[in-house]
Amino acid sequence: MSRYEAVFEIDSKTDAYAARRILEQVYDTIREESRSVREGTDDAAALLREFETLRDAARDPAAGTLTVTYERDDGTLDN
């Protein structure tokens, strides 16, 4: 398994705004994906709730760290 990580230090209102925009875009993308491809599945609803929590937490500007981790299996996807 391959692992990639990006860490964003948030120490200004500009940084906080950028982190909020990133999380809003991710949430919107997952919401649209859930509607068009995985509508009604339990895992889609749970994933959307998790990202909704992240998005909502970023609404109030605060110092912190946003860490994005991508873990990739070495296998291929089935079509």
Protein backbone atom coordinates (compact mmCIF):
# COMPACT_ATOMS: atom_id res chain seq x y z
CA MET A 1 0.00 0.00 0.00
CA SER A 2 1.28 3.44 -0.94
CA ARG A 3 0.68 6.38 1.39
CA TYR A 4 0.76 10.07 0.54
CA GLU A 5 0.25 12.93 2.97
CA ALA A 6 -0.11 16.70 2.72
CA VAL A 7 -0.07 18.90 5.82
CA PHE A 8 -1.41 22.45 5.83
CA GLU A 9 -0.56 24.67 8.80
CA ILE A 10 -3.34 27.14 9.51
CA ASP A 11 -2.08 30.21 11.31
CA SER A 12 -3.97 33.11 9.74
CA LYS A 13 -7.49 33.98 8.63
CA THR A 14 -6.36 33.58 5.02
CA ASP A 15 -5.14 30.05 5.75
CA ALA A 16 -8.37 29.25 7.60
CA TYR A 17 -10.41 30.50 4.65
CA ALA A 18 -8.38 28.35 2.24
CA ALA A 19 -8.86 25.26 4.41
CA ARG A 20 -12.58 25.95 4.61
CA ARG A 21 -12.81 26.25 0.81
CA ILE A 22 -10.92 22.96 0.36
CA LEU A 23 -13.30 21.14 2.70
CA GLU A 24 -16.36 22.75 1.10
CA GLN A 25 -15.21 21.61 -2.34
CA VAL A 26 -14.54 18.07 -1.11
CA TYR A 27 -17.95 17.94 0.57
CA ASP A 28 -19.71 19.22 -2.57
CA THR A 29 -17.89 16.67 -4.74
CA ILE A 30 -18.75 13.78 -2.44
CA ARG A 31 -22.37 14.94 -2.19
CA GLU A 32 -22.72 15.02 -5.97
CA GLU A 33 -20.98 11.64 -6.33
CA SER A 34 -23.31 10.17 -3.71
CA ARG A 35 -26.37 11.47 -5.55
CA SER A 36 -25.37 10.25 -8.98
CA VAL A 37 -23.57 6.98 -8.31
CA ARG A 38 -24.15 5.66 -4.81
CA GLU A 39 -27.52 7.13 -3.91
CA GLY A 40 -29.21 5.41 -1.00
CA THR A 41 -26.28 3.27 0.11
CA ASP A 42 -25.29 3.24 3.77
CA ASP A 43 -21.59 3.83 3.10
CA ALA A 44 -22.33 6.89 0.96
CA ALA A 45 -24.49 8.43 3.70
CA ALA A 46 -21.83 7.75 6.35
CA LEU A 47 -19.06 9.21 4.20
CA LEU A 48 -21.11 12.31 3.51
CA ARG A 49 -21.82 12.79 7.24
CA GLU A 50 -18.09 12.54 8.03
CA PHE A 51 -17.18 15.20 5.48
CA GLU A 52 -20.10 17.35 6.58
CA THR A 53 -18.62 17.34 10.10
CA LEU A 54 -15.22 18.41 8.72
CA ARG A 55 -16.77 21.13 6.59
CA ASP A 56 -18.78 22.49 9.51
CA ALA A 57 -15.76 22.46 11.84
CA ALA A 58 -13.84 24.67 9.39
CA ARG A 59 -16.52 27.36 9.25
CA ASP A 60 -15.14 29.26 12.26
CA PRO A 61 -11.62 30.56 11.55
CA ALA A 62 -9.12 29.04 13.97
CA ALA A 63 -5.46 28.05 14.03
CA GLY A 64 -4.71 24.37 13.49
CA THR A 65 -3.51 21.79 11.03
CA LEU A 66 -5.31 20.19 8.09
CA THR A 67 -3.77 16.85 7.16
CA VAL A 68 -4.86 15.01 4.02
CA THR A 69 -3.81 11.37 3.75
CA TYR A 70 -4.26 9.23 0.67
CA GLU A 71 -3.63 5.51 0.98
CA ARG A 72 -3.59 3.57 -2.24
CA ASP A 73 -3.89 -0.20 -2.51
CA ASP A 74 -1.41 -1.78 -4.87
CA GLY A 75 -4.17 -3.68 -6.69
CA THR A 76 -6.29 -2.44 -9.59
CA LEU A 77 -9.93 -1.42 -9.59
CA ASP A 78 -12.58 -3.60 -11.12
CA ASN A 79 -14.82 -1.95 -13.69
